Amino acid sequence: MFKPLAVRFYLGLGAIAIFFIIMEMVVGRLFPSLFNISAAAFLTAGFTLTAFIALLIFFNGYHSDRGRSVFMTLIALGLKMVLCFVLALLFFLVFKNKSTGSVVLFFILYLAITVYVVLTFTGVLKKKSDLRNSA
């Protein structure tokens, strides 16, 4: 789970989260009516947590046999999707963030974090496949 390969991607996820929080603070100060900064920080933390859980599950299965690795990858992606649905439910219905800026921010964060997770999965699996083919 916390192998050197995995830690590199966890730190990358943390760097992306910090970057988005800083950008949210800057944009929130420049355009205060666009979105609520605390709600944006909550949203960023929620997406970061869902991606971190998905990465933990993926790297837990990565060091297993081929069948379990595929199964854990699918579980990681499915759980990330379900957790993002729950986060959307909380963000839009419970906290009542229905402004256009909040909706746009939600999709920007969702896409950025999802692209990072998918690129991580494909990059790691490609390297694993290349190592198995060369051996």
Protein backbone atom coordinates (compact mmCIF):
# COMPACT_ATOMS: atom_id res chain seq x y z
CA MET A 1 0.00 0.00 0.00
CA PHE A 2 2.68 2.49 0.95
CA LYS A 3 5.38 1.25 -1.40
CA PRO A 4 7.74 3.86 -2.89
CA LEU A 5 5.92 3.70 -6.23
CA ALA A 6 2.57 4.37 -4.55
CA VAL A 7 3.84 7.17 -2.31
CA ARG A 8 4.93 9.11 -5.37
CA PHE A 9 1.37 9.11 -6.70
CA TYR A 10 -0.10 9.94 -3.27
CA LEU A 11 2.17 12.97 -3.09
CA GLY A 12 1.15 13.96 -6.62
CA LEU A 13 -2.49 13.83 -5.58
CA GLY A 14 -1.69 15.99 -2.56
CA ALA A 15 0.11 18.50 -4.77
CA ILE A 16 -2.90 18.71 -7.08
CA ALA A 17 -5.20 19.25 -4.10
CA ILE A 18 -3.00 22.03 -2.70
CA PHE A 19 -2.83 23.65 -6.14
CA PHE A 20 -6.62 23.66 -6.45
CA ILE A 21 -7.13 25.04 -2.94
CA ILE A 22 -4.71 27.88 -3.65
CA MET A 23 -6.43 28.59 -6.97
CA GLU A 24 -9.83 28.55 -5.28
CA MET A 25 -8.61 31.05 -2.70
CA VAL A 26 -7.22 33.36 -5.39
CA VAL A 27 -10.33 33.18 -7.57
CA GLY A 28 -12.57 33.48 -4.50
CA ARG A 29 -10.80 36.69 -3.48
CA LEU A 30 -10.96 38.15 -6.98
CA PHE A 31 -14.60 37.17 -7.58
CA PRO A 32 -16.24 36.74 -4.15
CA SER A 33 -19.74 36.13 -5.53
CA LEU A 34 -18.65 33.24 -7.78
CA PHE A 35 -18.56 30.50 -5.10
CA ASN A 36 -18.10 29.99 -1.39
CA ILE A 37 -14.42 29.36 -0.55
CA SER A 38 -15.19 27.03 2.37
CA ALA A 39 -17.53 24.95 0.19
CA ALA A 40 -14.85 24.81 -2.49
CA ALA A 41 -12.27 23.62 0.05
CA PHE A 42 -14.74 20.96 1.27
CA LEU A 43 -15.28 19.83 -2.31
CA THR A 44 -11.56 19.65 -3.02
CA ALA A 45 -10.96 17.68 0.17
CA GLY A 46 -13.80 15.32 -0.69
CA PHE A 47 -12.51 14.61 -4.18
CA THR A 48 -8.98 14.18 -2.85
CA LEU A 49 -10.20 11.71 -0.26
CA THR A 50 -12.15 9.68 -2.83
CA ALA A 51 -9.14 9.59 -5.16
CA PHE A 52 -6.85 8.62 -2.28
CA ILE A 53 -9.14 5.72 -1.33
CA ALA A 54 -9.21 4.59 -4.97
CA LEU A 55 -5.41 4.75 -5.17
CA LEU A 56 -5.07 2.79 -1.91
CA ILE A 57 -7.30 0.02 -3.24
CA PHE A 58 -5.53 0.00 -6.61
CA PHE A 59 -2.03 -0.22 -5.15
CA ASN A 60 -3.19 -2.86 -2.68
CA GLY A 61 -4.14 -5.06 -5.63
CA TYR A 62 -1.19 -3.98 -7.78
CA HIS A 63 1.27 -6.17 -5.92
CA SER A 64 -0.98 -9.24 -6.15
CA ASP A 65 -1.50 -11.80 -8.88
CA ARG A 66 -2.93 -10.76 -12.24
CA GLY A 67 -6.56 -11.73 -11.53
CA ARG A 68 -6.71 -9.92 -8.20
CA SER A 69 -5.00 -6.87 -9.70
CA VAL A 70 -7.71 -6.49 -12.34
CA PHE A 71 -10.44 -7.04 -9.76
CA MET A 72 -8.99 -4.44 -7.38
CA THR A 73 -8.63 -1.92 -10.21
CA LEU A 74 -12.30 -2.30 -11.08
CA ILE A 75 -13.28 -2.05 -7.41
CA ALA A 76 -11.20 1.12 -7.06
CA LEU A 77 -12.85 2.77 -10.05
CA GLY A 78 -16.34 1.70 -9.00
CA LEU A 79 -15.89 2.87 -5.42
CA LYS A 80 -14.49 6.19 -6.61
CA MET A 81 -17.57 6.68 -8.78
CA VAL A 82 -19.96 5.84 -5.92
CA LEU A 83 -18.11 8.12 -3.50
CA CYS A 84 -18.23 10.95 -6.04
CA PHE A 85 -21.99 10.44 -6.36
CA VAL A 86 -22.32 10.69 -2.58
CA LEU A 87 -20.14 13.80 -2.58
CA ALA A 88 -22.32 15.35 -5.30
CA LEU A 89 -25.43 14.54 -3.28
CA LEU A 90 -23.96 16.19 -0.21
CA PHE A 91 -22.61 19.20 -2.07
CA PHE A 92 -25.71 20.02 -4.09
CA LEU A 93 -28.64 18.80 -2.01
CA VAL A 94 -27.50 18.93 1.62
CA PHE A 95 -25.31 22.05 1.47
CA LYS A 96 -27.51 23.64 -1.24
CA ASN A 97 -24.71 24.84 -3.53
CA LYS A 98 -26.70 25.50 -6.69
CA SER A 99 -25.01 28.55 -8.13
CA THR A 100 -23.44 28.31 -11.55
CA GLY A 101 -19.96 28.85 -10.14
CA SER A 102 -20.39 25.94 -7.73
CA VAL A 103 -21.59 23.61 -10.48
CA VAL A 104 -18.70 24.57 -12.77
CA LEU A 105 -16.23 24.16 -9.90
CA PHE A 106 -17.66 20.72 -9.12
CA PHE A 107 -17.14 19.49 -12.68
CA ILE A 108 -13.67 21.03 -13.00
CA LEU A 109 -12.53 19.31 -9.82
CA TYR A 110 -14.25 16.05 -10.73
CA LEU A 111 -12.62 15.95 -14.15
CA ALA A 112 -9.17 16.95 -12.91
CA ILE A 113 -9.07 14.38 -10.12
CA THR A 114 -10.60 11.64 -12.28
CA VAL A 115 -8.11 12.28 -15.08
CA TYR A 116 -5.27 12.06 -12.55
CA VAL A 117 -6.57 8.74 -11.16
CA VAL A 118 -7.16 7.20 -14.60
CA LEU A 119 -3.77 8.32 -15.91
CA THR A 120 -2.15 6.91 -12.78
CA PHE A 121 -3.90 3.57 -13.23
CA THR A 122 -3.07 3.30 -16.93
CA GLY A 123 0.54 4.42 -16.47
CA VAL A 124 1.22 1.96 -13.66
CA LEU A 125 -0.52 -0.90 -15.43
CA LYS A 126 1.36 -0.15 -18.66
CA LYS A 127 4.70 -0.29 -16.83
CA LYS A 128 3.66 -3.55 -15.17
CA SER A 129 2.67 -5.00 -18.55
CA ASP A 130 5.95 -3.88 -20.12
CA LEU A 131 7.92 -5.49 -17.27
CA ARG A 132 6.04 -8.79 -17.68
CA ASN A 133 6.49 -8.78 -21.47
CA SER A 134 10.23 -8.12 -21.26
CA ALA A 135 10.82 -10.81 -18.63
